[in-house]
């Protein structure tokens, strides 16, 4: 059976999270530095706008919903869904 587009997207999101989460000893969460690097690398267009670097910093702060200093996969997933909705509304 061929892989569906949605299954591919889900696997890609998981792979992106894992790629950046493994940069330190905790492979289950992103540190704020890892999250910042993920956003800067995977969504460089955020930095093209004036204040882009500040937007990334604020986005990382906002991602940490439970304020534990780390971004887990649920928090990352909420961000990606929010970005997907914004993209759909703007297209």
C-alpha atoms as a PDB file:
ATOM      1  CA  UNK A   1       0.000   0.000   0.000  1.00  0.00           C
ATOM      2  CA  UNK A   2       1.359   3.413  -0.970  1.00  0.00           C
ATOM      3  CA  UNK A   3       2.032   5.954   1.733  1.00  0.00           C
ATOM      4  CA  UNK A   4      -0.576   8.688   1.898  1.00  0.00           C
ATOM      5  CA  UNK A   5       0.315  12.379   1.847  1.00  0.00           C
ATOM      6  CA  UNK A   6      -0.943  12.886   5.400  1.00  0.00           C
ATOM      7  CA  UNK A   7       1.060   9.929   6.734  1.00  0.00           C
ATOM      8  CA  UNK A   8       4.141  11.376   5.012  1.00  0.00           C
ATOM      9  CA  UNK A   9       3.581  14.797   6.628  1.00  0.00           C
ATOM     10  CA  UNK A  10       3.167  13.225  10.083  1.00  0.00           C
ATOM     11  CA  UNK A  11       6.385  11.256   9.661  1.00  0.00           C
ATOM     12  CA  UNK A  12       8.219  14.370   8.446  1.00  0.00           C
ATOM     13  CA  UNK A  13       7.098  16.404  11.466  1.00  0.00           C
ATOM     14  CA  UNK A  14       8.297  13.661  13.796  1.00  0.00           C
ATOM     15  CA  UNK A  15      11.635  13.454  11.977  1.00  0.00           C
ATOM     16  CA  UNK A  16      12.164  17.225  12.152  1.00  0.00           C
ATOM     17  CA  UNK A  17      11.400  17.255  15.886  1.00  0.00           C
ATOM     18  CA  UNK A  18      13.743  14.308  16.533  1.00  0.00           C
ATOM     19  CA  UNK A  19      16.536  15.846  14.437  1.00  0.00           C
ATOM     20  CA  UNK A  20      16.722  18.929  16.657  1.00  0.00           C
ATOM     21  CA  UNK A  21      15.752  17.285  19.969  1.00  0.00           C
ATOM     22  CA  UNK A  22      18.724  14.929  19.842  1.00  0.00           C
ATOM     23  CA  UNK A  23      21.257  17.766  19.915  1.00  0.00           C
ATOM     24  CA  UNK A  24      21.384  17.523  23.718  1.00  0.00           C
ATOM     25  CA  UNK A  25      20.947  14.655  26.179  1.00  0.00           C
ATOM     26  CA  UNK A  26      17.132  14.852  26.266  1.00  0.00           C
ATOM     27  CA  UNK A  27      15.799  13.382  23.018  1.00  0.00           C
ATOM     28  CA  UNK A  28      12.150  13.797  24.067  1.00  0.00           C
ATOM     29  CA  UNK A  29      12.097  17.586  24.267  1.00  0.00           C
ATOM     30  CA  UNK A  30      13.560  20.627  22.579  1.00  0.00           C
ATOM     31  CA  UNK A  31      15.551  23.043  24.662  1.00  0.00           C
ATOM     32  CA  UNK A  32      14.836  26.667  23.873  1.00  0.00           C
ATOM     33  CA  UNK A  33      18.134  26.800  21.945  1.00  0.00           C
ATOM     34  CA  UNK A  34      17.151  23.713  19.924  1.00  0.00           C
ATOM     35  CA  UNK A  35      13.692  25.167  19.221  1.00  0.00           C
ATOM     36  CA  UNK A  36      15.233  28.461  18.095  1.00  0.00           C
ATOM     37  CA  UNK A  37      17.623  26.618  15.772  1.00  0.00           C
ATOM     38  CA  UNK A  38      14.741  24.528  14.395  1.00  0.00           C
ATOM     39  CA  UNK A  39      12.672  27.616  13.593  1.00  0.00           C
ATOM     40  CA  UNK A  40      15.615  29.517  12.093  1.00  0.00           C
ATOM     41  CA  UNK A  41      16.638  26.547   9.930  1.00  0.00           C
ATOM     42  CA  UNK A  42      13.275  25.109   8.937  1.00  0.00           C
ATOM     43  CA  UNK A  43      11.366  28.415   8.629  1.00  0.00           C
ATOM     44  CA  UNK A  44      14.001  30.966   7.547  1.00  0.00           C
ATOM     45  CA  UNK A  45      11.302  33.205   6.070  1.00  0.00           C
ATOM     46  CA  UNK A  46      10.436  34.202   9.648  1.00  0.00           C
ATOM     47  CA  UNK A  47      13.742  36.071   9.753  1.00  0.00           C
ATOM     48  CA  UNK A  48      13.224  37.928   6.459  1.00  0.00           C
ATOM     49  CA  UNK A  49      10.783  40.379   7.999  1.00  0.00           C
ATOM     50  CA  UNK A  50      11.825  43.276  10.216  1.00  0.00           C
ATOM     51  CA  UNK A  51      11.969  42.028  13.774  1.00  0.00           C
ATOM     52  CA  UNK A  52      12.158  38.423  12.567  1.00  0.00           C
ATOM     53  CA  UNK A  53      14.778  37.412  15.093  1.00  0.00           C
ATOM     54  CA  UNK A  54      12.644  38.859  17.872  1.00  0.00           C
ATOM     55  CA  UNK A  55       9.615  36.978  16.477  1.00  0.00           C
ATOM     56  CA  UNK A  56      11.531  33.701  16.655  1.00  0.00           C
ATOM     57  CA  UNK A  57      12.564  34.402  20.246  1.00  0.00           C
ATOM     58  CA  UNK A  58       8.951  35.188  21.202  1.00  0.00           C
ATOM     59  CA  UNK A  59       7.674  32.131  19.345  1.00  0.00           C
ATOM     60  CA  UNK A  60      10.041  29.894  21.318  1.00  0.00           C
ATOM     61  CA  UNK A  61       8.828  31.457  24.567  1.00  0.00           C
ATOM     62  CA  UNK A  62       5.201  31.009  23.509  1.00  0.00           C
ATOM     63  CA  UNK A  63       5.754  27.361  22.544  1.00  0.00           C
ATOM     64  CA  UNK A  64       6.571  26.419  26.120  1.00  0.00           C
ATOM     65  CA  UNK A  65       2.934  26.198  27.212  1.00  0.00           C
ATOM     66  CA  UNK A  66       3.621  24.568  30.575  1.00  0.00           C
ATOM     67  CA  UNK A  67       6.582  26.883  31.263  1.00  0.00           C
ATOM     68  CA  UNK A  68       8.946  24.008  32.088  1.00  0.00           C
ATOM     69  CA  UNK A  69      11.755  25.446  29.960  1.00  0.00           C
ATOM     70  CA  UNK A  70      11.397  22.737  27.288  1.00  0.00           C
ATOM     71  CA  UNK A  71       9.218  22.145  24.242  1.00  0.00           C
ATOM     72  CA  UNK A  72       7.729  18.669  24.050  1.00  0.00           C
ATOM     73  CA  UNK A  73       6.208  17.068  20.964  1.00  0.00           C
ATOM     74  CA  UNK A  74       2.692  18.171  21.920  1.00  0.00           C
ATOM     75  CA  UNK A  75       3.793  21.818  22.149  1.00  0.00           C
ATOM     76  CA  UNK A  76       5.687  21.455  18.851  1.00  0.00           C
ATOM     77  CA  UNK A  77       2.589  19.908  17.250  1.00  0.00           C
ATOM     78  CA  UNK A  78       0.405  22.801  18.385  1.00  0.00           C
ATOM     79  CA  UNK A  79       2.870  25.202  16.753  1.00  0.00           C
ATOM     80  CA  UNK A  80       2.901  23.300  13.469  1.00  0.00           C
ATOM     81  CA  UNK A  81      -0.904  23.142  13.379  1.00  0.00           C
ATOM     82  CA  UNK A  82      -1.115  26.861  14.124  1.00  0.00           C
ATOM     83  CA  UNK A  83       1.299  27.584  11.280  1.00  0.00           C
ATOM     84  CA  UNK A  84      -0.690  25.272   8.971  1.00  0.00           C
ATOM     85  CA  UNK A  85      -3.907  27.144   9.769  1.00  0.00           C
ATOM     86  CA  UNK A  86      -2.238  30.517   9.188  1.00  0.00           C
ATOM     87  CA  UNK A  87      -0.843  29.291   5.879  1.00  0.00           C
ATOM     88  CA  UNK A  88      -4.259  28.037   4.753  1.00  0.00           C
ATOM     89  CA  UNK A  89      -5.971  31.290   5.713  1.00  0.00           C
ATOM     90  CA  UNK A  90      -3.362  33.370   3.874  1.00  0.00           C
ATOM     91  CA  UNK A  91      -3.391  31.356   0.654  1.00  0.00           C
END
